[in-house]
Protein backbone atom coordinates (compact mmCIF):
# COMPACT_ATOMS: atom_id res chain seq x y z
CA UNK A 1 -19.69 -35.98 -28.98
CA UNK A 2 -19.49 -32.55 -30.65
CA UNK A 3 -16.14 -31.37 -32.00
CA UNK A 4 -14.24 -28.65 -30.14
CA UNK A 5 -14.45 -25.19 -31.74
CA UNK A 6 -11.54 -24.19 -33.96
CA UNK A 7 -8.93 -22.09 -32.14
CA UNK A 8 -9.52 -18.36 -32.53
CA UNK A 9 -6.40 -16.34 -31.74
CA UNK A 10 -6.47 -12.55 -31.36
CA UNK A 11 -2.94 -11.48 -30.51
CA UNK A 12 -3.22 -7.69 -30.42
CA UNK A 13 -5.64 -5.81 -28.16
CA UNK A 14 -5.61 -2.83 -25.80
CA UNK A 15 -7.14 -1.96 -22.43
CA UNK A 16 -7.43 1.12 -20.24
CA UNK A 17 -3.87 0.40 -19.08
CA UNK A 18 -2.88 2.23 -22.28
CA UNK A 19 -5.38 3.66 -24.79
CA UNK A 20 -8.18 1.10 -24.84
CA UNK A 21 -11.72 1.88 -23.71
CA UNK A 22 -12.28 -1.32 -21.69
CA UNK A 23 -10.64 -2.38 -18.44
CA UNK A 24 -8.47 -5.50 -18.81
CA UNK A 25 -11.05 -7.85 -17.28
CA UNK A 26 -13.87 -6.37 -19.36
CA UNK A 27 -11.76 -6.75 -22.51
CA UNK A 28 -11.14 -10.42 -21.73
CA UNK A 29 -14.81 -11.09 -21.08
CA UNK A 30 -15.80 -9.41 -24.35
CA UNK A 31 -13.24 -11.52 -26.22
CA UNK A 32 -14.59 -14.71 -24.64
CA UNK A 33 -18.16 -13.81 -25.58
CA UNK A 34 -17.04 -13.37 -29.18
CA UNK A 35 -15.42 -16.75 -29.42
CA UNK A 36 -11.76 -15.84 -28.88
CA UNK A 37 -9.88 -18.82 -27.47
CA UNK A 38 -6.53 -17.06 -26.93
CA UNK A 39 -6.16 -13.29 -26.43
CA UNK A 40 -2.99 -11.23 -26.15
CA UNK A 41 -3.20 -8.04 -24.12
CA UNK A 42 -0.65 -5.77 -25.81
CA UNK A 43 -0.92 -2.35 -24.23
CA UNK A 44 1.37 0.40 -25.45
CA UNK A 45 4.66 0.42 -23.53
CA UNK A 46 2.88 -0.97 -20.45
CA UNK A 47 2.18 -4.34 -18.82
CA UNK A 48 0.29 -3.39 -15.68
CA UNK A 49 -3.05 -4.67 -17.00
CA UNK A 50 -1.82 -8.25 -17.34
CA UNK A 51 -2.50 -9.42 -13.79
CA UNK A 52 -6.16 -8.41 -13.96
CA UNK A 53 -6.49 -9.83 -17.49
CA UNK A 54 -4.96 -13.17 -16.46
CA UNK A 55 -7.42 -13.60 -13.59
CA UNK A 56 -10.34 -12.77 -15.88
CA UNK A 57 -9.10 -15.17 -18.55
CA UNK A 58 -8.95 -18.00 -16.01
CA UNK A 59 -12.56 -17.32 -15.04
CA UNK A 60 -13.71 -17.00 -18.67
CA UNK A 61 -11.95 -20.15 -19.80
CA UNK A 62 -9.72 -18.58 -22.45
CA UNK A 63 -5.97 -18.32 -22.73
CA UNK A 64 -4.28 -15.00 -21.97
CA UNK A 65 -0.98 -14.36 -23.78
CA UNK A 66 1.15 -11.81 -21.93
CA UNK A 67 2.09 -9.10 -24.38
CA UNK A 68 3.13 -5.50 -24.94
CA UNK A 69 3.33 -3.12 -27.91
CA UNK A 70 6.51 -1.06 -27.98
CA UNK A 71 6.83 2.27 -29.80
CA UNK A 72 9.90 2.39 -32.04
CA UNK A 73 11.46 5.00 -34.31
CA UNK A 74 12.85 3.59 -37.56
CA UNK A 75 14.20 6.04 -40.15
CA UNK A 76 12.06 8.84 -38.67
CA UNK A 77 8.93 6.66 -38.90
CA UNK A 78 7.08 5.46 -35.81
CA UNK A 79 6.45 1.75 -35.95
CA UNK A 80 5.14 -0.68 -33.36
CA UNK A 81 6.65 -3.97 -32.27
CA UNK A 82 4.42 -6.39 -30.39
CA UNK A 83 6.01 -8.73 -27.88
CA UNK A 84 4.12 -11.99 -27.27
CA UNK A 85 4.67 -14.52 -24.49
CA UNK A 86 6.79 -12.15 -22.43
CA UNK A 87 7.81 -12.42 -18.80
CA UNK A 88 6.32 -9.12 -17.65
CA UNK A 89 8.57 -9.11 -14.58
CA UNK A 90 11.78 -9.01 -16.60
CA UNK A 91 13.85 -6.08 -15.21
CA UNK A 92 15.41 -4.99 -18.52
CA UNK A 93 12.02 -4.97 -20.25
CA UNK A 94 10.45 -2.93 -17.48
CA UNK A 95 13.33 -0.46 -17.43
CA UNK A 96 13.04 0.03 -21.18
CA UNK A 97 9.26 0.47 -21.03
CA UNK A 98 9.61 3.00 -18.21
CA UNK A 99 12.02 5.07 -20.30
CA UNK A 100 9.63 4.97 -23.24
CA UNK A 101 6.65 6.00 -21.11
CA UNK A 102 8.59 8.88 -19.57
CA UNK A 103 8.80 10.67 -22.91
CA UNK A 104 5.05 10.63 -23.53
CA UNK A 105 4.30 13.62 -21.32
CA UNK A 106 6.74 15.74 -23.29
CA UNK A 107 5.08 14.73 -26.55
CA UNK A 108 1.61 15.40 -25.14
CA UNK A 109 2.56 18.96 -24.25
CA UNK A 110 3.94 19.50 -27.75
CA UNK A 111 0.75 18.16 -29.36
CA UNK A 112 -1.36 20.46 -27.18
CA UNK A 113 0.77 23.45 -28.16
CA UNK A 114 0.38 22.57 -31.84
CA UNK A 115 -3.40 22.33 -31.46
CA UNK A 116 -3.46 25.61 -29.50
CA UNK A 117 -1.74 27.25 -32.45
CA UNK A 118 -4.69 26.41 -34.72
CA UNK A 119 -7.31 27.51 -32.20
CA UNK A 120 -8.10 24.20 -30.48
CA UNK A 121 -7.72 24.89 -26.77
CA UNK A 122 -7.89 22.72 -23.68
CA UNK A 123 -6.62 19.61 -25.44
CA UNK A 124 -3.94 18.69 -22.90
CA UNK A 125 -6.39 18.54 -19.98
CA UNK A 126 -8.91 16.86 -22.28
CA UNK A 127 -6.47 14.17 -23.35
CA UNK A 128 -5.46 13.41 -19.76
CA UNK A 129 -9.14 13.18 -18.81
CA UNK A 130 -9.53 10.39 -21.36
CA UNK A 131 -6.34 8.57 -20.30
CA UNK A 132 -6.96 5.71 -17.88
CA UNK A 133 -3.20 5.67 -17.27
CA UNK A 134 -1.71 9.17 -17.13
CA UNK A 135 1.74 7.77 -17.93
CA UNK A 136 0.40 6.49 -21.26
CA UNK A 137 -1.29 9.62 -22.62
CA UNK A 138 -1.16 9.48 -26.40
CA UNK A 139 -2.69 10.59 -29.67
CA UNK A 140 -5.78 8.43 -29.22
CA UNK A 141 -6.65 10.35 -26.05
CA UNK A 142 -6.30 13.65 -27.91
CA UNK A 143 -8.50 12.22 -30.65
CA UNK A 144 -11.22 11.27 -28.16
CA UNK A 145 -11.13 14.80 -26.73
CA UNK A 146 -11.54 16.30 -30.21
CA UNK A 147 -14.53 14.03 -30.84
CA UNK A 148 -15.99 15.00 -27.46
CA UNK A 149 -15.49 18.68 -28.38
CA UNK A 150 -17.34 18.05 -31.67
CA UNK A 151 -14.35 19.10 -33.74
CA UNK A 152 -14.55 15.81 -35.64
CA UNK A 153 -17.18 13.04 -35.81
CA UNK A 154 -14.92 10.12 -34.89
CA UNK A 155 -11.41 9.14 -33.91
CA UNK A 156 -10.43 8.01 -37.41
CA UNK A 157 -11.33 11.44 -38.82
CA UNK A 158 -9.30 13.19 -36.12
CA UNK A 159 -6.20 11.21 -37.04
CA UNK A 160 -6.73 11.84 -40.75
CA UNK A 161 -7.14 15.62 -40.41
CA UNK A 162 -5.21 16.57 -37.28
CA UNK A 163 -2.82 13.97 -35.85
CA UNK A 164 -1.26 12.08 -38.77
CA UNK A 165 2.13 13.00 -40.20
CA UNK A 166 1.90 16.31 -42.06
CA UNK A 167 -1.23 17.45 -40.20
CA UNK A 168 -1.32 20.41 -37.78
CA UNK A 169 -1.37 18.38 -34.56
CA UNK A 170 1.32 15.90 -35.54
CA UNK A 171 4.51 16.02 -33.48
CA UNK A 172 7.57 14.02 -34.48
CA UNK A 173 8.99 12.04 -31.59
CA UNK A 174 11.92 9.70 -31.06
CA UNK A 175 10.97 6.42 -29.45
CA UNK A 176 13.06 3.31 -28.72
CA UNK A 177 15.41 1.94 -31.37
CA UNK A 178 14.28 -1.18 -33.25
CA UNK A 179 17.16 -3.26 -31.92
CA UNK A 180 16.43 -2.13 -28.35
CA UNK A 181 12.77 -3.10 -28.49
CA UNK A 182 13.53 -6.52 -29.95
CA UNK A 183 16.23 -7.09 -27.33
CA UNK A 184 13.83 -6.23 -24.49
CA UNK A 185 11.23 -8.65 -25.86
CA UNK A 186 13.67 -11.47 -26.50
CA UNK A 187 15.36 -10.95 -23.14
CA UNK A 188 11.95 -11.36 -21.52
CA UNK A 189 11.47 -14.69 -23.30
CA UNK A 190 9.02 -13.25 -25.84
CA UNK A 191 8.51 -13.28 -29.60
CA UNK A 192 8.84 -9.99 -31.49
CA UNK A 193 6.15 -9.24 -34.11
CA UNK A 194 5.92 -6.30 -36.50
CA UNK A 195 2.45 -4.83 -35.91
CA UNK A 196 0.05 -3.69 -38.68
CA UNK A 197 2.72 -3.21 -41.40
CA UNK A 198 0.31 -1.61 -43.89
CA UNK A 199 -0.24 1.35 -41.57
CA UNK A 200 3.24 2.77 -42.08
CA UNK A 201 2.76 3.53 -45.79
CA UNK A 202 6.22 2.25 -46.62
CA UNK A 203 7.23 1.36 -50.14
CA UNK A 204 7.97 -2.31 -50.73
CA UNK A 205 11.70 -1.49 -50.79
CA UNK A 206 11.39 0.33 -47.46
CA UNK A 207 9.37 -2.50 -45.94
CA UNK A 208 11.96 -5.01 -47.11
CA UNK A 209 14.72 -2.91 -45.52
CA UNK A 210 12.77 -2.66 -42.27
CA UNK A 211 12.19 -6.40 -42.16
CA UNK A 212 15.83 -7.18 -42.87
CA UNK A 213 16.80 -5.07 -39.85
CA UNK A 214 13.95 -6.56 -37.83
CA UNK A 215 15.10 -10.13 -38.51
CA UNK A 216 18.71 -9.20 -37.77
CA UNK A 217 17.54 -7.84 -34.39
CA UNK A 218 15.74 -11.10 -33.59
CA UNK A 219 12.27 -10.29 -34.96
CA UNK A 220 10.30 -13.44 -35.78
CA UNK A 221 6.85 -12.57 -37.11
CA UNK A 222 4.63 -10.08 -38.92
CA UNK A 223 0.93 -9.34 -38.57
CA UNK A 224 -0.57 -10.69 -41.77
CA UNK A 225 -4.18 -10.35 -40.62
CA UNK A 226 -4.97 -7.27 -38.56
CA UNK A 227 -7.59 -4.63 -37.90
CA UNK A 228 -6.16 -2.56 -40.74
CA UNK A 229 -7.89 -2.58 -44.11
CA UNK A 230 -4.90 -4.31 -45.68
CA UNK A 231 -4.31 -6.93 -48.34
CA UNK A 232 -3.57 -10.06 -46.33
CA UNK A 233 -2.46 -11.95 -49.45
CA UNK A 234 0.19 -9.30 -50.15
CA UNK A 235 1.40 -9.41 -46.54
CA UNK A 236 1.47 -13.20 -46.73
CA UNK A 237 3.87 -12.90 -49.67
CA UNK A 238 6.04 -10.58 -47.57
CA UNK A 239 6.05 -13.09 -44.70
CA UNK A 240 7.12 -15.88 -47.06
CA UNK A 241 9.82 -13.76 -48.68
CA UNK A 242 11.36 -12.87 -45.31
CA UNK A 243 10.77 -16.29 -43.71
CA UNK A 244 8.67 -14.81 -40.93
CA UNK A 245 5.90 -16.42 -38.93
CA UNK A 246 2.44 -14.87 -39.28
CA UNK A 247 0.36 -13.25 -36.58
CA UNK A 248 -3.31 -12.33 -36.37
CA UNK A 249 -4.62 -9.51 -34.20
CA UNK A 250 -7.49 -7.05 -34.26
CA UNK A 251 -5.70 -4.11 -32.58
CA UNK A 252 -9.01 -3.67 -30.77
CA UNK A 253 -9.26 -0.45 -28.72
CA UNK A 254 -12.97 -0.33 -28.00
CA UNK A 255 -16.46 -0.53 -29.46
CA UNK A 256 -17.04 1.95 -32.26
CA UNK A 257 -13.43 3.00 -32.73
CA UNK A 258 -12.89 1.33 -36.09
CA UNK A 259 -10.68 -1.61 -36.89
CA UNK A 260 -11.81 -5.18 -36.32
CA UNK A 261 -14.01 -6.54 -33.56
CA UNK A 262 -12.53 -9.12 -31.22
CA UNK A 263 -12.83 -12.63 -32.63
CA UNK A 264 -14.00 -11.51 -36.07
CA UNK A 265 -10.78 -11.70 -38.08
CA UNK A 266 -10.38 -13.92 -41.14
CA UNK A 267 -8.01 -16.90 -40.83
CA UNK A 268 -4.34 -16.83 -41.72
CA UNK A 269 -3.34 -18.33 -45.08
CA UNK A 270 -2.93 -22.05 -44.46
CA UNK A 271 0.67 -22.32 -45.70
CA UNK A 272 2.09 -19.78 -43.23
CA UNK A 273 3.55 -20.73 -39.87
CA UNK A 274 1.27 -19.18 -37.22
CA UNK A 275 3.20 -17.31 -34.56
CA UNK A 276 1.26 -19.14 -31.85
CA UNK A 277 3.15 -22.29 -32.83
CA UNK A 278 6.15 -20.55 -31.25
CA UNK A 279 4.18 -19.73 -28.10
CA UNK A 280 3.60 -23.33 -27.12
CA UNK A 281 0.07 -23.33 -28.53
């Protein structure tokens, strides 16, 4: 008898319910084809894709972990907290996500005005055209419009030159507080994970301060292996120092949009506690 394949967890991925390119069912099927055995759908501030994803996962024979990725403001920096194993029907979670989504339209109008000021017109309508969920319009949708308009060759270039902090299309915005996001996740029975920590360009002292607050708020894990071009060994040391479990997720948004492909991530360092051990896996 042949041995069962090793578990392949990808605990961070997006669908058209937020800013992914694939519908939830299509995302699940792609993950299954690439050898993923457990996938978390973690759309930005939204859980409406989970029902479709769960049905597709049952058909494809893989496990679907109910998740969400919540936008948070910490010391004027936007960070993302992933919730894994949540009860998507939890009223407090849904109320908090609804409040967070409601502010996205305001930010979108501000981004469009900033791009108008440098001669890039039509971006608001263009961004909404690319948004599968109008309540979740975000920077990625603006980036896809700018690529479509041939202002930049790809989404990564758009962020680097137009939408990152300090660039002409960047708009500061206040999201949920760190303690709020962790409380919503924990109240919904989930595990709070700091997503792609290398993306925030924090100093080690700043990252340590963030993780101290994160743990105090009930945070339990950090993405050690992600779609970011980051040093997993350095993040493993951070996880050990702060006694955090380790997560692994591609942050997949769609084919050709950079980052890691579903199911193609390297393994976690063997001495770390995998976050899926806390999810009953």
